C-alpha atoms as a PDB file:
ATOM      1  CA  MET A   1     108.901 107.922  96.613  1.00  0.00           C
ATOM      2  CA  ASP A   2     107.703 110.662  99.021  1.00  0.00           C
ATOM      3  CA  PHE A   3     104.231 112.518  98.126  1.00  0.00           C
ATOM      4  CA  GLY A   4     104.494 116.382  98.604  1.00  0.00           C
ATOM      5  CA  ILE A   5     101.347 118.132  99.825  1.00  0.00           C
ATOM      6  CA  SER A   6      99.774 118.389  96.157  1.00  0.00           C
ATOM      7  CA  GLY A   7     100.649 114.882  95.896  1.00  0.00           C
ATOM      8  CA  LEU A   8      98.577 113.655  98.896  1.00  0.00           C
ATOM      9  CA  ALA A   9      95.876 116.081  97.731  1.00  0.00           C
ATOM     10  CA  LEU A  10      95.492 114.280  94.701  1.00  0.00           C
ATOM     11  CA  VAL A  11      95.499 110.678  96.083  1.00  0.00           C
ATOM     12  CA  ALA A  12      92.980 111.763  98.891  1.00  0.00           C
ATOM     13  CA  ALA A  13      90.634 113.643  95.862  1.00  0.00           C
ATOM     14  CA  VAL A  14      91.040 110.119  93.743  1.00  0.00           C
ATOM     15  CA  PHE A  15      90.190 108.370  96.463  1.00  0.00           C
ATOM     16  CA  VAL A  16      87.162 110.117  97.886  1.00  0.00           C
ATOM     17  CA  VAL A  17      85.756 109.799  94.257  1.00  0.00           C
ATOM     18  CA  ALA A  18      86.297 106.251  94.119  1.00  0.00           C
ATOM     19  CA  GLY A  19      85.431 105.444  97.643  1.00  0.00           C
ATOM     20  CA  PHE A  20      81.795 107.678  96.780  1.00  0.00           C
ATOM     21  CA  VAL A  21      81.335 105.092  94.221  1.00  0.00           C
ATOM     22  CA  LYS A  22      81.867 102.142  95.969  1.00  0.00           C
ATOM     23  CA  GLY A  23      79.890 103.382  98.688  1.00  0.00           C
ATOM     24  CA  VAL A  24      76.641 103.918  96.321  1.00  0.00           C
ATOM     25  CA  VAL A  25      76.868 100.801  93.647  1.00  0.00           C
ATOM     26  CA  GLY A  26      78.898  98.269  96.014  1.00  0.00           C
ATOM     27  CA  PHE A  27      82.278  98.431  94.003  1.00  0.00           C
ATOM     28  CA  GLY A  28      84.436 100.382  91.994  1.00  0.00           C
ATOM     29  CA  LEU A  29      87.477 101.362  94.843  1.00  0.00           C
ATOM     30  CA  PRO A  30      90.586  99.619  93.342  1.00  0.00           C
ATOM     31  CA  THR A  31      89.212  99.817  89.608  1.00  0.00           C
ATOM     32  CA  ILE A  32      88.900 103.954  89.698  1.00  0.00           C
ATOM     33  CA  SER A  33      91.865 104.675  91.682  1.00  0.00           C
ATOM     34  CA  MET A  34      94.148 102.315  89.852  1.00  0.00           C
ATOM     35  CA  GLY A  35      92.503 103.725  86.362  1.00  0.00           C
ATOM     36  CA  ILE A  36      93.205 107.762  87.724  1.00  0.00           C
ATOM     37  CA  LEU A  37      96.423 107.220  89.489  1.00  0.00           C
ATOM     38  CA  GLY A  38      97.533 104.490  87.070  1.00  0.00           C
ATOM     39  CA  ALA A  39      97.742 107.427  84.417  1.00  0.00           C
ATOM     40  CA  LEU A  40      99.560 109.580  86.851  1.00  0.00           C
ATOM     41  CA  ILE A  41     102.136 107.497  88.370  1.00  0.00           C
ATOM     42  CA  ALA A  42     103.863 104.561  87.987  1.00  0.00           C
ATOM     43  CA  PRO A  43     101.266 101.591  88.119  1.00  0.00           C
ATOM     44  CA  ASP A  44     103.128  99.662  90.575  1.00  0.00           C
ATOM     45  CA  MET A  45     103.501 102.538  93.147  1.00  0.00           C
ATOM     46  CA  ALA A  46      99.556 103.249  92.236  1.00  0.00           C
ATOM     47  CA  ALA A  47      99.100  99.193  93.345  1.00  0.00           C
ATOM     48  CA  ALA A  48     100.897  99.710  96.465  1.00  0.00           C
ATOM     49  CA  ILE A  49      98.296 102.625  97.675  1.00  0.00           C
ATOM     50  CA  LEU A  50      95.405 101.311  96.534  1.00  0.00           C
ATOM     51  CA  ILE A  51      95.939  97.438  98.661  1.00  0.00           C
ATOM     52  CA  VAL A  52      95.222  98.658 102.199  1.00  0.00           C
ATOM     53  CA  PRO A  53      92.220 100.747 101.524  1.00  0.00           C
ATOM     54  CA  THR A  54      90.696  98.173  99.363  1.00  0.00           C
ATOM     55  CA  PHE A  55      90.853  95.613 101.717  1.00  0.00           C
ATOM     56  CA  LEU A  56      89.993  97.535 104.847  1.00  0.00           C
ATOM     57  CA  THR A  57      86.765  99.122 102.959  1.00  0.00           C
ATOM     58  CA  ASN A  58      85.526  95.451 102.400  1.00  0.00           C
ATOM     59  CA  ILE A  59      86.003  94.186 105.631  1.00  0.00           C
ATOM     60  CA  TRP A  60      82.821  95.292 106.437  1.00  0.00           C
ATOM     61  CA  GLN A  61      80.626  94.837 103.149  1.00  0.00           C
ATOM     62  CA  ALA A  62      82.179  90.933 103.400  1.00  0.00           C
ATOM     63  CA  PHE A  63      81.230  90.233 107.326  1.00  0.00           C
ATOM     64  CA  VAL A  64      78.036  92.684 108.029  1.00  0.00           C
ATOM     65  CA  GLY A  65      75.246  90.315 107.047  1.00  0.00           C
ATOM     66  CA  LYS A  66      73.343  87.359 107.971  1.00  0.00           C
ATOM     67  CA  HIS A  67      74.803  85.318 104.806  1.00  0.00           C
ATOM     68  CA  THR A  68      78.699  85.209 105.954  1.00  0.00           C
ATOM     69  CA  LEU A  69      78.546  81.234 106.034  1.00  0.00           C
ATOM     70  CA  ALA A  70      76.244  80.586 103.307  1.00  0.00           C
ATOM     71  CA  VAL A  71      78.101  83.132 100.713  1.00  0.00           C
ATOM     72  CA  LEU A  72      81.607  81.611 101.790  1.00  0.00           C
ATOM     73  CA  ARG A  73      80.532  77.874 101.577  1.00  0.00           C
ATOM     74  CA  ARG A  74      79.506  78.720  97.753  1.00  0.00           C
ATOM     75  CA  ILE A  75      82.521  80.559  96.649  1.00  0.00           C
ATOM     76  CA  TRP A  76      85.161  79.461  98.543  1.00  0.00           C
ATOM     77  CA  PRO A  77      86.680  77.320  95.578  1.00  0.00           C
ATOM     78  CA  MET A  78      86.300  81.052  93.603  1.00  0.00           C
ATOM     79  CA  LEU A  79      88.204  82.756  96.606  1.00  0.00           C
ATOM     80  CA  ALA A  80      90.944  80.336  96.353  1.00  0.00           C
ATOM     81  CA  GLY A  81      91.168  80.498  92.429  1.00  0.00           C
ATOM     82  CA  VAL A  82      91.574  84.610  92.938  1.00  0.00           C
ATOM     83  CA  PHE A  83      94.130  83.748  95.558  1.00  0.00           C
ATOM     84  CA  LEU A  84      96.171  81.634  93.747  1.00  0.00           C
ATOM     85  CA  GLY A  85      96.021  83.887  90.302  1.00  0.00           C
ATOM     86  CA  THR A  86      97.029  86.250  92.179  1.00  0.00           C
ATOM     87  CA  LEU A  87      99.851  84.908  93.579  1.00  0.00           C
ATOM     88  CA  ALA A  88     101.102  83.519  89.920  1.00  0.00           C
ATOM     89  CA  THR A  89     101.513  87.162  88.262  1.00  0.00           C
ATOM     90  CA  ALA A  90     101.806  89.424  91.222  1.00  0.00           C
ATOM     91  CA  GLY A  91     105.690  89.670  90.113  1.00  0.00           C
ATOM     92  CA  VAL A  92     103.882  91.632  86.556  1.00  0.00           C
ATOM     93  CA  ILE A  93     102.773  94.619  87.840  1.00  0.00           C
ATOM     94  CA  THR A  94     105.966  95.169  89.849  1.00  0.00           C
ATOM     95  CA  GLY A  95     108.205  93.993  87.626  1.00  0.00           C
ATOM     96  CA  ALA A  96     106.831  94.674  84.048  1.00  0.00           C
ATOM     97  CA  ASP A  97     107.246  98.138  81.894  1.00  0.00           C
ATOM     98  CA  PRO A  98     105.020 100.884  83.518  1.00  0.00           C
ATOM     99  CA  ARG A  99     103.556 101.209  79.531  1.00  0.00           C
ATOM    100  CA  ILE A 100     102.761  97.466  79.462  1.00  0.00           C
ATOM    101  CA  ALA A 101     101.278  97.637  83.038  1.00  0.00           C
ATOM    102  CA  ALA A 102      99.132 100.720  81.859  1.00  0.00           C
ATOM    103  CA  ALA A 103      98.426  99.017  78.558  1.00  0.00           C
ATOM    104  CA  LEU A 104      96.723  95.979  80.232  1.00  0.00           C
ATOM    105  CA  ILE A 105      94.966  98.274  82.929  1.00  0.00           C
ATOM    106  CA  GLY A 106      93.392 100.294  80.292  1.00  0.00           C
ATOM    107  CA  THR A 107      92.117  97.490  78.386  1.00  0.00           C
ATOM    108  CA  MET A 108      90.702  96.084  81.570  1.00  0.00           C
ATOM    109  CA  LEU A 109      88.986  99.220  81.997  1.00  0.00           C
ATOM    110  CA  VAL A 110      87.474  99.737  78.696  1.00  0.00           C
ATOM    111  CA  THR A 111      86.649  95.665  78.522  1.00  0.00           C
ATOM    112  CA  TYR A 112      84.638  95.979  82.070  1.00  0.00           C
ATOM    113  CA  ALA A 113      83.336  99.583  80.875  1.00  0.00           C
ATOM    114  CA  ALA A 114      81.963  98.207  77.522  1.00  0.00           C
ATOM    115  CA  LEU A 115      80.403  94.847  79.261  1.00  0.00           C
ATOM    116  CA  GLY A 116      78.466  96.703  81.724  1.00  0.00           C
ATOM    117  CA  LEU A 117      77.249  99.485  79.335  1.00  0.00           C
ATOM    118  CA  SER A 118      76.129  96.331  76.596  1.00  0.00           C
ATOM    119  CA  GLY A 119      73.144  95.495  78.574  1.00  0.00           C
ATOM    120  CA  PHE A 120      74.602  92.167  77.927  1.00  0.00           C
ATOM    121  CA  ARG A 121      73.562  89.598  80.971  1.00  0.00           C
ATOM    122  CA  PHE A 122      74.642  85.702  81.321  1.00  0.00           C
ATOM    123  CA  HIS A 123      73.254  83.273  83.804  1.00  0.00           C
ATOM    124  CA  VAL A 124      75.358  80.622  85.937  1.00  0.00           C
ATOM    125  CA  PRO A 125      73.224  77.683  87.085  1.00  0.00           C
ATOM    126  CA  ARG A 126      73.746  76.877  90.505  1.00  0.00           C
ATOM    127  CA  LYS A 127      75.028  73.090  89.739  1.00  0.00           C
ATOM    128  CA  ALA A 128      77.834  74.536  87.517  1.00  0.00           C
ATOM    129  CA  GLU A 129      79.453  77.090  90.576  1.00  0.00           C
ATOM    130  CA  ILE A 130      81.839  74.114  91.605  1.00  0.00           C
ATOM    131  CA  PHE A 131      83.802  73.800  88.039  1.00  0.00           C
ATOM    132  CA  ALA A 132      82.977  77.514  86.847  1.00  0.00           C
ATOM    133  CA  GLY A 133      83.523  78.997  90.489  1.00  0.00           C
ATOM    134  CA  PRO A 134      87.143  78.135  89.968  1.00  0.00           C
ATOM    135  CA  VAL A 135      87.751  78.891  86.377  1.00  0.00           C
ATOM    136  CA  ALA A 136      86.206  82.632  87.195  1.00  0.00           C
ATOM    137  CA  GLY A 137      88.603  82.945  90.512  1.00  0.00           C
ATOM    138  CA  LEU A 138      91.947  82.007  88.734  1.00  0.00           C
ATOM    139  CA  THR A 139      91.172  83.921  85.447  1.00  0.00           C
ATOM    140  CA  THR A 140      90.294  87.109  88.149  1.00  0.00           C
ATOM    141  CA  GLY A 141      93.201  86.814  90.266  1.00  0.00           C
ATOM    142  CA  LEU A 142      95.516  85.989  87.031  1.00  0.00           C
ATOM    143  CA  ILE A 143      94.164  90.091  85.719  1.00  0.00           C
ATOM    144  CA  ASN A 144      94.462  91.208  89.464  1.00  0.00           C
ATOM    145  CA  GLY A 145      97.726  90.274  89.579  1.00  0.00           C
ATOM    146  CA  ALA A 146      98.697  91.926  86.538  1.00  0.00           C
ATOM    147  CA  THR A 147      97.044  95.021  86.394  1.00  0.00           C
ATOM    148  CA  ALA A 148      95.440  95.287  90.489  1.00  0.00           C
ATOM    149  CA  ILE A 149      91.923  95.135  89.025  1.00  0.00           C
ATOM    150  CA  PHE A 150      89.605  92.522  90.018  1.00  0.00           C
ATOM    151  CA  VAL A 151      86.176  93.075  88.425  1.00  0.00           C
ATOM    152  CA  LEU A 152      86.747  91.015  85.596  1.00  0.00           C
ATOM    153  CA  PRO A 153      85.454  88.161  85.034  1.00  0.00           C
ATOM    154  CA  GLY A 154      84.434  87.933  88.915  1.00  0.00           C
ATOM    155  CA  ALA A 155      81.721  90.805  89.177  1.00  0.00           C
ATOM    156  CA  PRO A 156      80.080  89.738  86.161  1.00  0.00           C
ATOM    157  CA  TYR A 157      80.151  86.199  86.976  1.00  0.00           C
ATOM    158  CA  LEU A 158      78.926  86.627  90.646  1.00  0.00           C
ATOM    159  CA  GLN A 159      76.197  88.632  89.559  1.00  0.00           C
ATOM    160  CA  ALA A 160      75.419  85.964  86.802  1.00  0.00           C
ATOM    161  CA  SER A 161      75.135  83.656  90.247  1.00  0.00           C
ATOM    162  CA  GLU A 162      71.854  82.678  91.530  1.00  0.00           C
ATOM    163  CA  LEU A 163      72.768  85.093  94.894  1.00  0.00           C
ATOM    164  CA  ASN A 164      70.126  87.661  95.964  1.00  0.00           C
ATOM    165  CA  LYS A 165      71.206  91.159  96.440  1.00  0.00           C
ATOM    166  CA  ASP A 166      72.434  90.715 100.210  1.00  0.00           C
ATOM    167  CA  GLU A 167      74.409  88.046  99.505  1.00  0.00           C
ATOM    168  CA  LEU A 168      76.033  89.043  96.190  1.00  0.00           C
ATOM    169  CA  ILE A 169      76.898  92.173  98.053  1.00  0.00           C
ATOM    170  CA  GLN A 170      78.902  90.375 101.031  1.00  0.00           C
ATOM    171  CA  ALA A 171      80.395  88.060  98.094  1.00  0.00           C
ATOM    172  CA  LEU A 172      81.986  90.776  96.322  1.00  0.00           C
ATOM    173  CA  GLY A 173      83.003  92.094  99.933  1.00  0.00           C
ATOM    174  CA  PHE A 174      84.780  88.607 100.260  1.00  0.00           C
ATOM    175  CA  VAL A 175      86.468  88.932  96.726  1.00  0.00           C
ATOM    176  CA  GLY A 176      87.598  92.214  97.628  1.00  0.00           C
ATOM    177  CA  LEU A 177      89.324  90.684 100.440  1.00  0.00           C
ATOM    178  CA  ALA A 178      90.933  87.655  99.041  1.00  0.00           C
ATOM    179  CA  ALA A 179      92.484  90.103  95.860  1.00  0.00           C
ATOM    180  CA  PRO A 180      94.183  93.046  97.491  1.00  0.00           C
ATOM    181  CA  GLY A 181      95.349  90.239 100.156  1.00  0.00           C
ATOM    182  CA  ALA A 182      96.889  88.609  97.682  1.00  0.00           C
ATOM    183  CA  LEU A 183      98.457  91.108  95.989  1.00  0.00           C
ATOM    184  CA  ALA A 184      99.871  92.254  99.730  1.00  0.00           C
ATOM    185  CA  LEU A 185     101.722  88.947  99.395  1.00  0.00           C
ATOM    186  CA  GLY A 186     102.893  88.969  96.276  1.00  0.00           C
ATOM    187  CA  PHE A 187     104.551  92.389  96.819  1.00  0.00           C
ATOM    188  CA  GLY A 188     106.004  91.125  99.322  1.00  0.00           C
ATOM    189  CA  LEU A 189     107.508  88.474  97.458  1.00  0.00           C
ATOM    190  CA  ASN A 190     108.606  90.553  94.852  1.00  0.00           C
ATOM    191  CA  ARG A 191     109.630  94.010  95.796  1.00  0.00           C
ATOM    192  CA  PRO A 192     108.623  95.731  99.689  1.00  0.00           C
ATOM    193  CA  VAL A 193     106.424  98.736  99.720  1.00  0.00           C
ATOM    194  CA  GLU A 194     108.478 102.100  99.766  1.00  0.00           C
ATOM    195  CA  ILE A 195     108.295 103.686 103.125  1.00  0.00           C
ATOM    196  CA  GLY A 196     107.715 106.853 101.465  1.00  0.00           C
ATOM    197  CA  LEU A 197     104.342 105.687 100.226  1.00  0.00           C
ATOM    198  CA  TRP A 198     103.075 105.141 103.676  1.00  0.00           C
ATOM    199  CA  PRO A 199     101.797 108.761 104.064  1.00  0.00           C
ATOM    200  CA  ALA A 200      99.981 108.274 100.974  1.00  0.00           C
ATOM    201  CA  ILE A 201      98.377 105.198 101.955  1.00  0.00           C
ATOM    202  CA  LEU A 202      97.300 106.406 104.879  1.00  0.00           C
ATOM    203  CA  VAL A 203      95.675 109.449 103.277  1.00  0.00           C
ATOM    204  CA  ALA A 204      94.209 107.080 100.790  1.00  0.00           C
ATOM    205  CA  LEU A 205      92.194 105.292 103.607  1.00  0.00           C
ATOM    206  CA  ILE A 206      91.032 108.212 105.443  1.00  0.00           C
ATOM    207  CA  ALA A 207      89.811 109.246 102.199  1.00  0.00           C
ATOM    208  CA  ALA A 208      88.141 106.453 100.775  1.00  0.00           C
ATOM    209  CA  ILE A 209      86.157 105.892 104.007  1.00  0.00           C
ATOM    210  CA  ALA A 210      85.050 109.294 103.742  1.00  0.00           C
ATOM    211  CA  GLY A 211      83.864 108.664 100.601  1.00  0.00           C
ATOM    212  CA  MET A 212      82.243 105.412 101.039  1.00  0.00           C
ATOM    213  CA  THR A 213      80.797 107.101 103.764  1.00  0.00           C
ATOM    214  CA  ALA A 214      79.244 109.881 101.813  1.00  0.00           C
ATOM    215  CA  GLY A 215      77.948 107.278  98.947  1.00  0.00           C
ATOM    216  CA  GLN A 216      76.054 105.549 101.325  1.00  0.00           C
ATOM    217  CA  ALA A 217      74.325 108.215 103.078  1.00  0.00           C
ATOM    218  CA  VAL A 218      73.345 109.237  99.357  1.00  0.00           C
ATOM    219  CA  ARG A 219      72.522 105.974  98.114  1.00  0.00           C
ATOM    220  CA  GLY A 220      68.981 105.928  99.127  1.00  0.00           C
ATOM    221  CA  ARG A 221      68.531 109.026  97.167  1.00  0.00           C
ATOM    222  CA  LEU A 222      70.280 108.220  93.462  1.00  0.00           C
ATOM    223  CA  THR A 223      69.114 106.027  91.188  1.00  0.00           C
ATOM    224  CA  VAL A 224      71.627 103.229  91.235  1.00  0.00           C
ATOM    225  CA  SER A 225      71.459 102.416  87.397  1.00  0.00           C
ATOM    226  CA  VAL A 226      71.970 105.502  86.102  1.00  0.00           C
ATOM    227  CA  PHE A 227      74.966 106.533  88.553  1.00  0.00           C
ATOM    228  CA  GLN A 228      76.836 103.318  87.469  1.00  0.00           C
ATOM    229  CA  ARG A 229      75.954 103.846  83.643  1.00  0.00           C
ATOM    230  CA  TRP A 230      78.235 107.078  84.328  1.00  0.00           C
ATOM    231  CA  VAL A 231      80.835 105.137  86.175  1.00  0.00           C
ATOM    232  CA  LEU A 232      80.907 102.725  83.454  1.00  0.00           C
ATOM    233  CA  ILE A 233      81.129 105.603  80.727  1.00  0.00           C
ATOM    234  CA  GLY A 234      84.144 107.475  82.809  1.00  0.00           C
ATOM    235  CA  LEU A 235      85.813 104.177  83.202  1.00  0.00           C
ATOM    236  CA  ALA A 236      85.738 103.674  79.645  1.00  0.00           C
ATOM    237  CA  VAL A 237      87.148 107.409  78.800  1.00  0.00           C
ATOM    238  CA  LEU A 238      89.795 106.433  81.341  1.00  0.00           C
ATOM    239  CA  GLY A 239      90.986 103.147  79.876  1.00  0.00           C
ATOM    240  CA  SER A 240      91.222 105.124  76.752  1.00  0.00           C
ATOM    241  CA  ALA A 241      92.696 107.620  77.811  1.00  0.00           C
ATOM    242  CA  MET A 242      95.309 105.204  79.274  1.00  0.00           C
ATOM    243  CA  LEU A 243      95.396 103.374  76.071  1.00  0.00           C
ATOM    244  CA  LEU A 244      96.152 106.233  73.892  1.00  0.00           C
ATOM    245  CA  ARG A 245      98.808 107.823  76.097  1.00  0.00           C
ATOM    246  CA  VAL A 246     100.855 104.379  75.414  1.00  0.00           C
ATOM    247  CA  LEU A 247     100.409 104.051  71.787  1.00  0.00           C
ATOM    248  CA  ALA A 248     101.564 108.059  71.499  1.00  0.00           C
END
């Protein structure tokens, strides 16, 4: 599929917004971009476009920090689960009925938003990570392969672990490397990316970087908790709209 000027402009707008959110709150690029694009174009094409921007924008988040080795030692079983789970279901989004894929994405968005808005919090003791990490990672990977969204249950699990703020940011970055990396491999095993998508992928990458830069610049000026609440409300609306569109 070849994107015209209007299509590329849409991709740019979506990824500027998604990148801005990630710059402010530390995550949300694939969730928001998949939520919007998945409602407008085939979910498998939307997923193919977001893989490269998601992977590259997480390199800085994962490796720039003083906790790299410590974080990797703690979460590598989770990362392995994410990778294997994604490979196991990567064929779903490339071969499934687009309506089914859209329903899955909508469900994930609504579920994640509801969990965040509910204020529900749980705690994972460090001694339980050896067992809980692989389970959370595998589940996250299975969902990622089917929907290209890897926030559930990975992000809540990491937020519940005994990680400080800087460690959490890096941990989310590593999950953001493992998930799209495995998804890209899964896509390659099931169906190569269309040549016509590469201009949209390049535009998405540039837009995401621009959005992230702007988000990081204003991060210190905003109340992140309030901003994140509105993001969650927006995701809930997007997910609900996708589900209603499938059911209509």
